[in-house]
Amino acid sequence: MKESKLKPWKTLSTENLLDSRWLRVDKETCELPTGKVISDFYTIWQPDWVLILAEDAQGRFLMERQYRQGTHSISLEFPAGIIDKGETPLEAAKRELQEECAHGGGAWKFLREFPMNPDRHRGRFFVVSATGVLPSGNTHFDSTENIETLFYSKEQVLAAIRSCEMNHPHQIASFLLYLDMYKR
């Protein structure tokens, strides 16, 4: 890969506008390599989260349907959740799959770390796979969760992506990368 001659921006100052458990917003004054100053560049921080691409012994992917306030709709997604303080992405993935889908066991693998959105977001998301997961115990939803667990074949997931039934771009990209990486 050819080395880039691009230079990073300099952050001259940061003013915190919002700082809550779920979201932080900062207004930054930045100087570009050209000397131009941008006095109102906004950055967003959200907690790091993990996406779980889990397959049962029959090779079916565990999927979830749940309401999402951002789109005011029921969403089809892979299990995912926020990484608690002190947890590794793999530990969070195992906890979330148990809590949301009542599944565990199997063979687990850390796949990748991505920025939430390199343009403005400071949070990250991690992708983990699990194969051969089995039913285990009961679900334990957070107070804001009401989740329906489903099983989809690879072909059904791809059809859900094509029809826009599944529309979360981070999840779609992660699934397609997973299929490509493992020639599935």
N, C-alpha and C. Protein backbone atom coordinates (compact mmCIF):
# COMPACT_ATOMS: atom_id res chain seq x y z
N MET A 1 0.85 -1.18 0.00
CA MET A 1 0.00 0.00 0.00
C MET A 1 0.89 1.24 0.00
N LYS A 2 0.55 2.20 -0.82
CA LYS A 2 1.31 3.43 -0.94
C LYS A 2 1.10 4.30 0.30
N GLU A 3 2.17 4.88 0.81
CA GLU A 3 2.07 5.74 1.99
C GLU A 3 1.38 7.05 1.63
N SER A 4 0.53 7.51 2.50
CA SER A 4 -0.23 8.73 2.26
C SER A 4 0.55 9.96 2.71
N LYS A 5 0.36 11.05 1.99
CA LYS A 5 0.98 12.31 2.36
C LYS A 5 0.00 13.20 3.13
N LEU A 6 -1.21 12.69 3.39
CA LEU A 6 -2.20 13.46 4.12
C LEU A 6 -1.76 13.67 5.56
N LYS A 7 -2.16 14.80 6.13
CA LYS A 7 -1.83 15.11 7.52
C LYS A 7 -3.13 15.24 8.31
N PRO A 8 -3.08 14.88 9.60
CA PRO A 8 -4.29 14.97 10.42
C PRO A 8 -4.63 16.42 10.78
N TRP A 9 -5.88 16.62 11.17
CA TRP A 9 -6.30 17.91 11.70
C TRP A 9 -5.76 18.07 13.11
N LYS A 10 -5.64 19.32 13.57
CA LYS A 10 -5.27 19.61 14.96
C LYS A 10 -6.53 20.06 15.69
N THR A 11 -6.77 19.47 16.84
CA THR A 11 -7.88 19.91 17.67
C THR A 11 -7.38 21.03 18.57
N LEU A 12 -7.91 22.22 18.38
CA LEU A 12 -7.46 23.39 19.14
C LEU A 12 -8.20 23.52 20.46
N SER A 13 -9.48 23.16 20.47
CA SER A 13 -10.25 23.21 21.71
C SER A 13 -11.45 22.28 21.59
N THR A 14 -11.97 21.88 22.75
CA THR A 14 -13.13 21.00 22.82
C THR A 14 -14.08 21.53 23.88
N GLU A 15 -15.35 21.67 23.51
CA GLU A 15 -16.39 22.07 24.45
C GLU A 15 -17.41 20.94 24.52
N ASN A 16 -17.60 20.39 25.72
CA ASN A 16 -18.58 19.33 25.88
C ASN A 16 -19.98 19.93 25.94
N LEU A 17 -20.88 19.44 25.07
CA LEU A 17 -22.25 19.94 25.01
C LEU A 17 -23.25 19.01 25.69
N LEU A 18 -22.97 17.72 25.68
CA LEU A 18 -23.85 16.72 26.28
C LEU A 18 -23.01 15.55 26.72
N ASP A 19 -23.25 15.07 27.92
CA ASP A 19 -22.50 13.92 28.42
C ASP A 19 -23.44 13.07 29.26
N SER A 20 -23.98 12.01 28.64
CA SER A 20 -24.88 11.10 29.34
C SER A 20 -24.35 9.68 29.21
N ARG A 21 -25.05 8.76 29.80
CA ARG A 21 -24.63 7.35 29.74
C ARG A 21 -24.60 6.84 28.30
N TRP A 22 -25.51 7.30 27.46
CA TRP A 22 -25.67 6.76 26.13
C TRP A 22 -25.08 7.62 25.02
N LEU A 23 -24.76 8.87 25.32
CA LEU A 23 -24.31 9.76 24.25
C LEU A 23 -23.50 10.91 24.81
N ARG A 24 -22.42 11.24 24.12
CA ARG A 24 -21.62 12.42 24.43
C ARG A 24 -21.46 13.20 23.13
N VAL A 25 -21.65 14.51 23.21
CA VAL A 25 -21.48 15.37 22.04
C VAL A 25 -20.50 16.48 22.40
N ASP A 26 -19.49 16.64 21.58
CA ASP A 26 -18.49 17.70 21.77
C ASP A 26 -18.48 18.62 20.55
N LYS A 27 -18.26 19.90 20.81
CA LYS A 27 -18.03 20.88 19.75
C LYS A 27 -16.54 21.16 19.77
N GLU A 28 -15.90 20.91 18.64
CA GLU A 28 -14.44 21.09 18.56
C GLU A 28 -14.08 22.21 17.60
N THR A 29 -13.00 22.90 17.93
CA THR A 29 -12.38 23.84 17.01
C THR A 29 -11.16 23.13 16.45
N CYS A 30 -11.11 23.00 15.13
CA CYS A 30 -10.06 22.22 14.48
C CYS A 30 -9.32 23.06 13.44
N GLU A 31 -8.04 22.82 13.36
CA GLU A 31 -7.23 23.45 12.33
C GLU A 31 -6.83 22.40 11.31
N LEU A 32 -7.16 22.66 10.05
CA LEU A 32 -6.81 21.76 8.96
C LEU A 32 -5.35 21.97 8.56
N PRO A 33 -4.72 21.00 7.89
CA PRO A 33 -3.34 21.16 7.46
C PRO A 33 -3.11 22.39 6.58
N THR A 34 -4.17 22.90 5.95
CA THR A 34 -4.06 24.08 5.10
C THR A 34 -4.03 25.38 5.92
N GLY A 35 -4.30 25.26 7.24
CA GLY A 35 -4.37 26.44 8.09
C GLY A 35 -5.80 26.91 8.33
N LYS A 36 -6.74 26.45 7.54
CA LYS A 36 -8.15 26.81 7.74
C LYS A 36 -8.61 26.28 9.09
N VAL A 37 -9.42 27.11 9.81
CA VAL A 37 -9.95 26.71 11.12
C VAL A 37 -11.45 26.50 11.00
N ILE A 38 -11.90 25.37 11.51
CA ILE A 38 -13.33 25.06 11.61
C ILE A 38 -13.70 25.21 13.08
N SER A 39 -14.59 26.17 13.37
CA SER A 39 -14.89 26.46 14.78
C SER A 39 -16.05 25.65 15.33
N ASP A 40 -16.72 24.87 14.49
CA ASP A 40 -17.88 24.14 14.98
C ASP A 40 -17.98 22.74 14.37
N PHE A 41 -16.98 21.91 14.64
CA PHE A 41 -17.00 20.52 14.20
C PHE A 41 -17.51 19.69 15.37
N TYR A 42 -18.61 18.95 15.16
CA TYR A 42 -19.24 18.20 16.24
C TYR A 42 -18.84 16.73 16.16
N THR A 43 -18.45 16.17 17.30
CA THR A 43 -18.14 14.74 17.38
C THR A 43 -19.10 14.10 18.37
N ILE A 44 -19.33 12.82 18.15
CA ILE A 44 -20.29 12.07 18.94
C ILE A 44 -19.59 10.83 19.50
N TRP A 45 -19.85 10.54 20.76
CA TRP A 45 -19.36 9.32 21.37
C TRP A 45 -20.56 8.50 21.82
N GLN A 46 -20.54 7.23 21.48
CA GLN A 46 -21.52 6.28 21.97
C GLN A 46 -20.74 5.12 22.57
N PRO A 47 -21.32 4.40 23.52
CA PRO A 47 -20.58 3.28 24.12
C PRO A 47 -20.19 2.24 23.06
N ASP A 48 -19.06 1.58 23.28
CA ASP A 48 -18.65 0.49 22.41
C ASP A 48 -19.66 -0.64 22.52
N TRP A 49 -19.87 -1.34 21.41
CA TRP A 49 -20.81 -2.45 21.41
C TRP A 49 -20.28 -3.61 20.60
N VAL A 50 -20.91 -4.76 20.78
CA VAL A 50 -20.47 -5.98 20.10
C VAL A 50 -21.63 -6.57 19.30
N LEU A 51 -21.31 -7.07 18.13
CA LEU A 51 -22.24 -7.74 17.23
C LEU A 51 -21.90 -9.22 17.23
N ILE A 52 -22.93 -10.07 17.36
CA ILE A 52 -22.70 -11.50 17.47
C ILE A 52 -23.30 -12.22 16.27
N LEU A 53 -22.46 -12.85 15.47
CA LEU A 53 -22.89 -13.68 14.35
C LEU A 53 -22.87 -15.12 14.86
N ALA A 54 -24.00 -15.55 15.43
CA ALA A 54 -24.08 -16.85 16.10
C ALA A 54 -24.87 -17.84 15.27
N GLU A 55 -24.30 -19.04 15.12
CA GLU A 55 -24.97 -20.12 14.39
C GLU A 55 -25.21 -21.29 15.33
N ASP A 56 -26.38 -21.92 15.18
CA ASP A 56 -26.65 -23.11 15.98
C ASP A 56 -26.04 -24.33 15.28
N ALA A 57 -26.27 -25.51 15.82
CA ALA A 57 -25.67 -26.74 15.29
C ALA A 57 -26.14 -27.04 13.87
N GLN A 58 -27.31 -26.51 13.47
CA GLN A 58 -27.82 -26.72 12.11
C GLN A 58 -27.33 -25.65 11.13
N GLY A 59 -26.49 -24.75 11.59
CA GLY A 59 -25.96 -23.70 10.73
C GLY A 59 -26.90 -22.53 10.54
N ARG A 60 -27.94 -22.44 11.37
CA ARG A 60 -28.88 -21.32 11.28
C ARG A 60 -28.37 -20.17 12.16
N PHE A 61 -28.53 -18.96 11.66
CA PHE A 61 -28.10 -17.78 12.40
C PHE A 61 -29.19 -17.34 13.37
N LEU A 62 -28.79 -17.02 14.59
CA LEU A 62 -29.73 -16.45 15.55
C LEU A 62 -29.96 -15.00 15.17
N MET A 63 -31.23 -14.64 15.04
CA MET A 63 -31.64 -13.29 14.67
C MET A 63 -32.61 -12.78 15.71
N GLU A 64 -32.79 -11.48 15.73
CA GLU A 64 -33.71 -10.86 16.68
C GLU A 64 -34.61 -9.87 15.96
N ARG A 65 -35.81 -9.79 16.45
CA ARG A 65 -36.70 -8.70 16.07
C ARG A 65 -36.95 -7.90 17.34
N GLN A 66 -36.83 -6.58 17.21
CA GLN A 66 -37.14 -5.70 18.33
C GLN A 66 -37.44 -4.31 17.81
N TYR A 67 -38.15 -3.56 18.62
CA TYR A 67 -38.51 -2.20 18.24
C TYR A 67 -37.29 -1.30 18.36
N ARG A 68 -37.14 -0.39 17.38
CA ARG A 68 -36.06 0.60 17.40
C ARG A 68 -36.66 1.99 17.28
N GLN A 69 -36.48 2.80 18.31
CA GLN A 69 -37.05 4.13 18.36
C GLN A 69 -36.49 5.05 17.27
N GLY A 70 -35.23 4.87 16.90
CA GLY A 70 -34.62 5.72 15.88
C GLY A 70 -35.36 5.70 14.55
N THR A 71 -35.86 4.53 14.17
CA THR A 71 -36.59 4.39 12.91
C THR A 71 -38.09 4.21 13.13
N HIS A 72 -38.50 4.15 14.39
CA HIS A 72 -39.91 3.93 14.73
C HIS A 72 -40.44 2.66 14.05
N SER A 73 -39.64 1.60 14.11
CA SER A 73 -40.05 0.37 13.43
C SER A 73 -39.49 -0.86 14.14
N ILE A 74 -40.06 -2.00 13.80
CA ILE A 74 -39.53 -3.28 14.27
C ILE A 74 -38.36 -3.61 13.36
N SER A 75 -37.24 -3.98 13.96
CA SER A 75 -36.01 -4.19 13.22
C SER A 75 -35.58 -5.66 13.31
N LEU A 76 -35.07 -6.19 12.20
CA LEU A 76 -34.47 -7.53 12.17
C LEU A 76 -32.96 -7.35 12.26
N GLU A 77 -32.35 -7.98 13.25
CA GLU A 77 -30.92 -7.78 13.50
C GLU A 77 -30.30 -9.06 14.04
N PHE A 78 -28.97 -9.08 14.03
CA PHE A 78 -28.23 -10.08 14.77
C PHE A 78 -28.19 -9.62 16.23
N PRO A 79 -28.02 -10.53 17.18
CA PRO A 79 -27.88 -10.11 18.57
C PRO A 79 -26.68 -9.17 18.70
N ALA A 80 -26.83 -8.20 19.58
CA ALA A 80 -25.76 -7.22 19.80
C ALA A 80 -26.02 -6.54 21.13
N GLY A 81 -25.00 -5.87 21.64
CA GLY A 81 -25.21 -5.14 22.88
C GLY A 81 -23.98 -4.35 23.28
N ILE A 82 -24.20 -3.49 24.24
CA ILE A 82 -23.14 -2.62 24.76
C ILE A 82 -22.16 -3.43 25.60
N ILE A 83 -20.89 -3.10 25.46
CA ILE A 83 -19.84 -3.74 26.25
C ILE A 83 -19.76 -3.02 27.59
N ASP A 84 -19.99 -3.75 28.66
CA ASP A 84 -19.93 -3.17 30.00
C ASP A 84 -18.48 -2.87 30.38
N LYS A 85 -18.32 -1.91 31.29
CA LYS A 85 -16.98 -1.54 31.77
C LYS A 85 -16.28 -2.78 32.33
N GLY A 86 -15.04 -2.99 31.90
CA GLY A 86 -14.25 -4.12 32.37
C GLY A 86 -14.42 -5.39 31.56
N GLU A 87 -15.36 -5.42 30.61
CA GLU A 87 -15.59 -6.59 29.78
C GLU A 87 -14.77 -6.52 28.51
N THR A 88 -14.35 -7.67 28.01
CA THR A 88 -13.79 -7.75 26.68
C THR A 88 -14.96 -7.90 25.70
N PRO A 89 -14.75 -7.63 24.43
CA PRO A 89 -15.82 -7.85 23.45
C PRO A 89 -16.34 -9.29 23.46
N LEU A 90 -15.46 -10.26 23.62
CA LEU A 90 -15.88 -11.65 23.63
C LEU A 90 -16.73 -11.96 24.87
N GLU A 91 -16.35 -11.45 26.02
CA GLU A 91 -17.14 -11.64 27.24
C GLU A 91 -18.52 -11.00 27.09
N ALA A 92 -18.56 -9.80 26.53
CA ALA A 92 -19.84 -9.11 26.32
C ALA A 92 -20.71 -9.89 25.34
N ALA A 93 -20.10 -10.44 24.29
CA ALA A 93 -20.86 -11.21 23.29
C ALA A 93 -21.52 -12.43 23.94
N LYS A 94 -20.77 -13.14 24.75
CA LYS A 94 -21.33 -14.33 25.42
C LYS A 94 -22.46 -13.93 26.36
N ARG A 95 -22.27 -12.86 27.10
CA ARG A 95 -23.31 -12.38 28.02
C ARG A 95 -24.55 -11.96 27.26
N GLU A 96 -24.38 -11.16 26.22
CA GLU A 96 -25.51 -10.66 25.44
C GLU A 96 -26.29 -11.80 24.77
N LEU A 97 -25.59 -12.78 24.22
CA LEU A 97 -26.30 -13.88 23.56
C LEU A 97 -27.14 -14.66 24.57
N GLN A 98 -26.60 -14.84 25.76
CA GLN A 98 -27.36 -15.52 26.82
C GLN A 98 -28.57 -14.67 27.24
N GLU A 99 -28.33 -13.39 27.49
CA GLU A 99 -29.40 -12.51 27.97
C GLU A 99 -30.51 -12.33 26.94
N GLU A 100 -30.15 -12.15 25.69
CA GLU A 100 -31.13 -11.82 24.66
C GLU A 100 -31.74 -13.03 23.96
N CYS A 101 -30.98 -14.12 23.83
CA CYS A 101 -31.45 -15.27 23.05
C CYS A 101 -31.48 -16.58 23.82
N ALA A 102 -31.00 -16.58 25.07
CA ALA A 102 -30.94 -17.80 25.88
C ALA A 102 -30.16 -18.91 25.16
N HIS A 103 -29.01 -18.53 24.60
CA HIS A 103 -28.12 -19.48 23.95
C HIS A 103 -26.69 -19.26 24.45
N GLY A 104 -25.91 -20.33 24.43
CA GLY A 104 -24.52 -20.25 24.85
C GLY A 104 -23.74 -21.44 24.31
N GLY A 105 -22.56 -21.63 24.87
CA GLY A 105 -21.70 -22.73 24.42
C GLY A 105 -21.16 -22.45 23.03
N GLY A 106 -20.71 -23.49 22.38
CA GLY A 106 -20.19 -23.36 21.03
C GLY A 106 -18.76 -22.86 20.99
N ALA A 107 -18.28 -22.64 19.78
CA ALA A 107 -16.92 -22.15 19.54
C ALA A 107 -16.99 -20.67 19.17
N TRP A 108 -16.26 -19.85 19.90
CA TRP A 108 -16.32 -18.40 19.74
C TRP A 108 -15.03 -17.88 19.13
N LYS A 109 -15.17 -16.80 18.34
CA LYS A 109 -13.99 -16.20 17.69
C LYS A 109 -14.19 -14.70 17.55
N PHE A 110 -13.18 -13.95 17.96
CA PHE A 110 -13.16 -12.50 17.73
C PHE A 110 -12.80 -12.28 16.27
N LEU A 111 -13.60 -11.49 15.54
CA LEU A 111 -13.35 -11.29 14.12
C LEU A 111 -12.72 -9.94 13.79
N ARG A 112 -13.31 -8.84 14.31
CA ARG A 112 -12.86 -7.54 13.84
C ARG A 112 -13.33 -6.42 14.74
N GLU A 113 -12.62 -5.32 14.71
CA GLU A 113 -13.01 -4.07 15.36
C GLU A 113 -13.19 -3.01 14.28
N PHE A 114 -14.26 -2.22 14.39
CA PHE A 114 -14.53 -1.16 13.43
C PHE A 114 -14.86 0.13 14.16
N PRO A 115 -14.56 1.29 13.55
CA PRO A 115 -15.09 2.54 14.12
C PRO A 115 -16.58 2.61 13.82
N MET A 116 -17.33 3.24 14.72
CA MET A 116 -18.77 3.38 14.51
C MET A 116 -19.04 4.13 13.20
N ASN A 117 -18.38 5.25 13.04
CA ASN A 117 -18.45 6.07 11.83
C ASN A 117 -17.23 6.98 11.89
N PRO A 118 -16.23 6.76 11.06
CA PRO A 118 -14.98 7.51 11.17
C PRO A 118 -15.12 9.02 11.01
N ASP A 119 -16.20 9.47 10.44
CA ASP A 119 -16.39 10.89 10.21
C ASP A 119 -16.55 11.67 11.52
N ARG A 120 -17.43 11.21 12.41
CA ARG A 120 -17.75 11.98 13.61
C ARG A 120 -17.83 11.18 14.89
N HIS A 121 -17.98 9.87 14.80
CA HIS A 121 -18.18 9.05 15.99
C HIS A 121 -16.85 8.58 16.58
N ARG A 122 -16.79 8.58 17.90
CA ARG A 122 -15.61 8.09 18.59
C ARG A 122 -15.78 6.67 19.12
N GLY A 123 -17.00 6.11 19.06
CA GLY A 123 -17.24 4.76 19.55
C GLY A 123 -16.79 3.71 18.54
N ARG A 124 -16.72 2.48 19.02
CA ARG A 124 -16.31 1.36 18.17
C ARG A 124 -17.34 0.23 18.30
N PHE A 125 -17.34 -0.64 17.29
CA PHE A 125 -18.09 -1.88 17.45
C PHE A 125 -17.20 -3.04 17.05
N PHE A 126 -17.47 -4.15 17.68
CA PHE A 126 -16.65 -5.35 17.53
C PHE A 126 -17.53 -6.46 16.98
N VAL A 127 -16.96 -7.31 16.15
CA VAL A 127 -17.71 -8.41 15.56
C VAL A 127 -17.12 -9.72 16.07
N VAL A 128 -18.01 -10.57 16.57
CA VAL A 128 -17.64 -11.87 17.13
C VAL A 128 -18.50 -12.93 16.46
N SER A 129 -17.92 -14.09 16.19
CA SER A 129 -18.72 -15.20 15.66
C SER A 129 -18.78 -16.32 16.69
N ALA A 130 -19.84 -17.09 16.61
CA ALA A 130 -20.00 -18.27 17.46
C ALA A 130 -20.66 -19.35 16.62
N THR A 131 -20.12 -20.54 16.67
CA THR A 131 -20.72 -21.66 15.93
C THR A 131 -21.08 -22.76 16.91
N GLY A 132 -22.16 -23.45 16.60
CA GLY A 132 -22.59 -24.56 17.44
C GLY A 132 -23.21 -24.15 18.76
N VAL A 133 -23.81 -22.94 18.83
CA VAL A 133 -24.43 -22.51 20.08
C VAL A 133 -25.68 -23.34 20.35
N LEU A 134 -26.00 -23.48 21.63
CA LEU A 134 -27.12 -24.31 22.06
C LEU A 134 -28.03 -23.53 23.00
N PRO A 135 -29.30 -23.94 23.09
CA PRO A 135 -30.18 -23.31 24.08
C PRO A 135 -29.57 -23.46 25.48
N SER A 136 -29.68 -22.37 26.25
CA SER A 136 -29.07 -22.37 27.58
C SER A 136 -29.81 -21.40 28.49
N GLY A 137 -30.57 -21.91 29.41
CA GLY A 137 -31.23 -21.05 30.39
C GLY A 137 -32.35 -20.22 29.80
N ASN A 138 -32.56 -19.06 30.42
CA ASN A 138 -33.63 -18.16 30.03
C ASN A 138 -33.08 -16.80 29.62
N THR A 139 -33.90 -16.05 28.91
CA THR A 139 -33.52 -14.69 28.56
C THR A 139 -33.60 -13.79 29.79
N HIS A 140 -32.84 -12.70 29.76
CA HIS A 140 -32.84 -11.70 30.83
C HIS A 140 -32.74 -10.33 30.16
N PHE A 141 -33.88 -9.82 29.70
CA PHE A 141 -33.89 -8.56 28.97
C PHE A 141 -33.66 -7.38 29.90
N ASP A 142 -33.00 -6.33 29.34
CA ASP A 142 -32.93 -5.05 30.03
C ASP A 142 -34.33 -4.47 30.08
N SER A 143 -34.53 -3.45 30.89
CA SER A 143 -35.87 -2.87 31.07
C SER A 143 -36.43 -2.26 29.78
N THR A 144 -35.58 -1.94 28.82
CA THR A 144 -36.05 -1.34 27.56
C THR A 144 -36.17 -2.36 26.43
N GLU A 145 -35.88 -3.63 26.70
CA GLU A 145 -35.85 -4.64 25.65
C GLU A 145 -37.10 -5.53 25.67
N ASN A 146 -37.57 -5.82 24.49
CA ASN A 146 -38.58 -6.83 24.26
C ASN A 146 -38.18 -7.47 22.93
N ILE A 147 -37.60 -8.67 22.98
CA ILE A 147 -36.92 -9.25 21.82
C ILE A 147 -37.55 -10.60 21.45
N GLU A 148 -37.71 -10.80 20.16
CA GLU A 148 -38.16 -12.08 19.63
C GLU A 148 -36.96 -12.72 18.94
N THR A 149 -36.62 -13.96 19.31
CA THR A 149 -35.49 -14.67 18.71
C THR A 149 -35.98 -15.55 17.57
N LEU A 150 -35.25 -15.51 16.47
CA LEU A 150 -35.58 -16.27 15.26
C LEU A 150 -34.34 -17.00 14.77
N PHE A 151 -34.53 -17.98 13.91
CA PHE A 151 -33.42 -18.70 13.28
C PHE A 151 -33.54 -18.54 11.78
N TYR A 152 -32.46 -18.03 11.14
CA TYR A 152 -32.45 -17.81 9.70
C TYR A 152 -31.28 -18.57 9.08
N SER A 153 -31.53 -19.19 7.95
CA SER A 153 -30.43 -19.77 7.16
C SER A 153 -29.66 -18.61 6.53
N LYS A 154 -28.49 -18.92 6.02
CA LYS A 154 -27.70 -17.90 5.32
C LYS A 154 -28.52 -17.30 4.18
N GLU A 155 -29.23 -18.13 3.44
CA GLU A 155 -30.03 -17.66 2.31
C GLU A 155 -31.15 -16.74 2.79
N GLN A 156 -31.76 -17.06 3.93
CA GLN A 156 -32.82 -16.20 4.47
C GLN A 156 -32.27 -14.85 4.92
N VAL A 157 -31.07 -14.85 5.51
CA VAL A 157 -30.45 -13.58 5.91
C VAL A 157 -30.19 -12.73 4.67
N LEU A 158 -29.63 -13.34 3.63
CA LEU A 158 -29.36 -12.60 2.40
C LEU A 158 -30.64 -12.07 1.77
N ALA A 159 -31.70 -12.86 1.80
CA ALA A 159 -32.99 -12.40 1.27
C ALA A 159 -33.52 -11.23 2.10
N ALA A 160 -33.34 -11.28 3.42
CA ALA A 160 -33.79 -10.18 4.29
C ALA A 160 -32.99 -8.90 4.01
N ILE A 161 -31.72 -9.05 3.66
CA ILE A 161 -30.91 -7.89 3.30
C ILE A 161 -31.41 -7.31 1.97
N ARG A 162 -31.62 -8.17 0.98
CA ARG A 162 -32.08 -7.72 -0.34
C ARG A 162 -33.44 -7.02 -0.26
N SER A 163 -34.33 -7.50 0.59
CA SER A 163 -35.68 -6.93 0.68
C SER A 163 -35.74 -5.72 1.62
N CYS A 164 -34.63 -5.38 2.27
CA CYS A 164 -34.54 -4.30 3.26
C CYS A 164 -35.30 -4.61 4.54
N GLU A 165 -35.70 -5.87 4.74
CA GLU A 165 -36.25 -6.27 6.03
C GLU A 165 -35.17 -6.09 7.09
N MET A 166 -33.93 -6.39 6.72
CA MET A 166 -32.77 -6.14 7.57
C MET A 166 -32.09 -4.90 6.99
N ASN A 167 -31.97 -3.84 7.81
CA ASN A 167 -31.46 -2.58 7.24
C ASN A 167 -30.38 -1.89 8.06
N HIS A 168 -29.79 -2.57 9.02
CA HIS A 168 -28.73 -1.98 9.85
C HIS A 168 -27.41 -2.09 9.09
N PRO A 169 -26.85 -0.98 8.61
CA PRO A 169 -25.67 -1.07 7.73
C PRO A 169 -24.45 -1.72 8.38
N HIS A 170 -24.21 -1.47 9.67
CA HIS A 170 -23.06 -2.10 10.33
C HIS A 170 -23.22 -3.62 10.36
N GLN A 171 -24.43 -4.07 10.61
CA GLN A 171 -24.68 -5.50 10.69
C GLN A 171 -24.60 -6.16 9.32
N ILE A 172 -25.15 -5.51 8.32
CA ILE A 172 -25.10 -6.06 6.96
C ILE A 172 -23.65 -6.17 6.49
N ALA A 173 -22.88 -5.12 6.66
CA ALA A 173 -21.47 -5.14 6.23
C ALA A 173 -20.70 -6.23 6.97
N SER A 174 -20.94 -6.37 8.26
CA SER A 174 -20.24 -7.39 9.05
C SER A 174 -20.59 -8.79 8.58
N PHE A 175 -21.87 -9.03 8.30
CA PHE A 175 -22.30 -10.34 7.83
C PHE A 175 -21.67 -10.66 6.47
N LEU A 176 -21.69 -9.71 5.55
CA LEU A 176 -21.11 -9.95 4.23
C LEU A 176 -19.61 -10.18 4.31
N LEU A 177 -18.93 -9.45 5.18
CA LEU A 177 -17.50 -9.67 5.39
C LEU A 177 -17.26 -11.07 5.97
N TYR A 178 -18.09 -11.46 6.91
CA TYR A 178 -17.98 -12.79 7.51
C TYR A 178 -18.13 -13.88 6.43
N LEU A 179 -19.12 -13.73 5.58
CA LEU A 179 -19.30 -14.71 4.51
C LEU A 179 -18.09 -14.74 3.58
N ASP A 180 -17.55 -13.58 3.26
CA ASP A 180 -16.38 -13.50 2.38
C ASP A 180 -15.13 -14.07 3.04
N MET A 181 -14.93 -13.75 4.31
CA MET A 181 -13.73 -14.22 5.02
C MET A 181 -13.70 -15.74 5.15
N TYR A 182 -14.86 -16.33 5.32
CA TYR A 182 -14.92 -17.76 5.56
C TYR A 182 -15.49 -18.53 4.39
N LYS A 183 -15.62 -17.87 3.23
CA LYS A 183 -16.06 -18.51 1.98
C LYS A 183 -17.31 -19.36 2.22
N ARG A 184 -18.26 -18.78 2.92
CA ARG A 184 -19.45 -19.54 3.30
C ARG A 184 -20.52 -19.40 2.27
